Amino acid sequence: QVRLVASGGGSVQIGESLKISCEASGIIFGMNSVAWFRQLPGKEREGVASIGKGDPNYAESVKGRFTISQDYAKRTFYLQMNALKTEDTAMYYCAAAGGIRTTCRRGACFPSLKESDFDYWGQGTQVTVSS
């Protein structure tokens, strides 16, 4: 049985950093893709960062600022968020897939950021960035 428990959200100022965590059970890093999504009220869920077997993939809006990582020993994956902006304010959800999920374009494949590719979801953790 897969269980994902997100934590670490909070309120920060513009330009500050925050690290959110997702404790995962029932999956194996490197065999199951994991990802972070975010959602604003009334908006669709947006893929933010994803990792499977190799290099991670990021939404353009967070490249260079956010980093997804995995701690195999702790069975926890993280999203380190730096240089936060007000537009990063959202409910953040961790997710896992039943296997490795990729998106391929122009002959290259990347970890998927598609909501429909992920099978298991944690509860959200709110991140609020204010000026």
Protein backbone atom coordinates (compact mmCIF):
# COMPACT_ATOMS: atom_id res chain seq x y z
CA GLN A 1 0.00 0.00 0.00
CA VAL A 2 1.41 3.37 -1.03
CA ARG A 3 1.28 6.21 1.44
CA LEU A 4 2.62 9.72 0.95
CA VAL A 5 2.74 12.27 3.76
CA ALA A 6 3.74 15.83 2.91
CA SER A 7 5.03 18.34 5.42
CA GLY A 8 7.05 21.51 5.78
CA GLY A 9 4.87 24.15 4.20
CA GLY A 10 4.63 27.60 5.70
CA SER A 11 4.69 31.33 5.15
CA VAL A 12 7.83 33.10 3.96
CA GLN A 13 8.85 36.44 2.47
CA ILE A 14 9.80 37.06 -1.15
CA GLY A 15 13.31 35.81 -1.87
CA GLU A 16 13.42 33.39 1.06
CA SER A 17 13.78 29.63 0.94
CA LEU A 18 11.65 26.73 2.09
CA LYS A 19 12.07 22.96 1.94
CA ILE A 20 9.06 20.68 1.88
CA SER A 21 9.16 16.95 2.45
CA CYS A 22 7.19 13.89 1.47
CA GLU A 23 7.59 10.70 3.45
CA ALA A 24 6.86 7.77 1.15
CA SER A 25 6.04 4.15 1.88
CA GLY A 26 5.16 1.38 -0.55
CA ILE A 27 7.33 2.69 -3.39
CA ILE A 28 10.97 2.32 -4.37
CA PHE A 29 12.98 5.34 -5.45
CA GLY A 30 14.45 4.70 -8.86
CA MET A 31 11.63 2.32 -9.76
CA ASN A 32 8.74 4.69 -9.13
CA SER A 33 8.65 8.26 -10.40
CA VAL A 34 7.95 10.86 -7.74
CA ALA A 35 6.97 14.47 -8.24
CA TRP A 36 5.73 17.68 -6.73
CA PHE A 37 2.66 19.48 -8.05
CA ARG A 38 1.03 22.70 -6.98
CA GLN A 39 -2.46 24.09 -7.25
CA LEU A 40 -4.16 27.41 -6.73
CA PRO A 41 -7.89 27.58 -5.91
CA GLY A 42 -9.92 27.21 -9.09
CA LYS A 43 -6.86 26.33 -11.15
CA GLU A 44 -5.55 23.06 -12.53
CA ARG A 45 -2.78 21.21 -10.76
CA GLU A 46 0.63 22.09 -12.22
CA GLY A 47 3.63 19.79 -12.30
CA VAL A 48 6.60 21.49 -10.65
CA ALA A 49 9.38 18.90 -10.39
CA SER A 50 9.71 15.22 -11.13
CA ILE A 51 12.37 12.54 -10.86
CA GLY A 52 12.55 8.91 -11.91
CA LYS A 53 15.79 7.05 -12.67
CA GLY A 54 18.05 9.84 -13.84
CA ASP A 55 18.05 13.60 -14.01
CA PRO A 56 15.02 15.48 -12.71
CA ASN A 57 12.68 17.62 -14.75
CA TYR A 58 11.31 21.00 -13.76
CA ALA A 59 8.62 23.37 -14.90
CA GLU A 60 10.09 26.38 -16.69
CA SER A 61 8.72 28.67 -13.99
CA VAL A 62 10.89 27.08 -11.29
CA LYS A 63 14.05 26.04 -13.15
CA GLY A 64 17.16 27.26 -11.38
CA ARG A 65 15.23 27.95 -8.15
CA PHE A 66 13.71 24.61 -7.10
CA THR A 67 15.47 21.29 -6.57
CA ILE A 68 13.86 17.89 -6.10
CA SER A 69 15.85 15.28 -4.21
CA GLN A 70 15.43 11.85 -2.65
CA ASP A 71 16.80 10.35 0.55
CA TYR A 72 16.69 6.59 0.07
CA ALA A 73 17.48 5.82 3.71
CA LYS A 74 14.73 8.05 5.04
CA ARG A 75 12.29 7.11 2.25
CA THR A 76 11.60 10.77 1.87
CA PHE A 77 11.76 13.12 -1.09
CA TYR A 78 12.07 16.85 -0.91
CA LEU A 79 11.49 20.06 -2.78
CA GLN A 80 14.01 22.76 -1.96
CA MET A 81 12.57 26.10 -3.02
CA ASN A 82 14.85 29.12 -3.24
CA ALA A 83 14.30 32.71 -4.32
CA LEU A 84 10.59 32.31 -3.71
CA LYS A 85 8.15 34.60 -5.49
CA THR A 86 4.56 35.52 -4.67
CA GLU A 87 3.46 33.47 -7.68
CA ASP A 88 4.87 30.35 -5.99
CA THR A 89 2.07 30.61 -3.43
CA ALA A 90 -0.03 27.45 -3.74
CA MET A 91 -0.97 24.17 -2.16
CA TYR A 92 1.85 21.75 -2.91
CA TYR A 93 1.16 18.03 -3.39
CA CYS A 94 3.60 15.16 -3.55
CA ALA A 95 2.84 12.31 -5.92
CA ALA A 96 4.17 8.92 -6.98
CA ALA A 97 3.59 6.76 -10.01
CA GLY A 98 3.21 3.00 -10.32
CA GLY A 99 6.45 2.90 -12.33
CA ILE A 100 8.79 5.21 -14.21
CA ARG A 101 6.90 7.84 -16.17
CA THR A 102 8.53 9.91 -18.90
CA THR A 103 7.55 12.45 -21.51
CA CYS A 104 9.44 12.32 -24.79
CA ARG A 105 9.85 15.11 -27.30
CA ARG A 106 12.29 15.65 -30.14
CA GLY A 107 13.95 12.33 -29.40
CA ALA A 108 14.69 13.11 -25.75
CA CYS A 109 12.78 11.81 -22.74
CA PHE A 110 12.27 13.54 -19.41
CA PRO A 111 10.52 12.65 -16.14
CA SER A 112 6.83 13.34 -16.59
CA LEU A 113 5.12 16.39 -15.09
CA LYS A 114 1.66 15.24 -16.20
CA GLU A 115 -0.86 14.84 -13.43
CA SER A 116 -2.48 11.90 -15.19
CA ASP A 117 0.80 9.91 -15.06
CA PHE A 118 0.77 9.78 -11.27
CA ASP A 119 -1.27 7.27 -9.30
CA TYR A 120 -0.74 8.13 -5.66
CA TRP A 121 -1.07 11.47 -3.93
CA GLY A 122 -0.21 12.91 -0.56
CA GLN A 123 -2.21 15.54 1.22
CA GLY A 124 -1.28 19.09 0.35
CA THR A 125 1.01 21.39 2.24
CA GLN A 126 0.42 25.13 1.88
CA VAL A 127 3.23 27.45 0.81
CA THR A 128 2.54 31.16 1.07
CA VAL A 129 4.99 33.80 -0.17
CA SER A 130 4.30 37.40 0.75
CA SER A 131 5.96 40.73 0.18
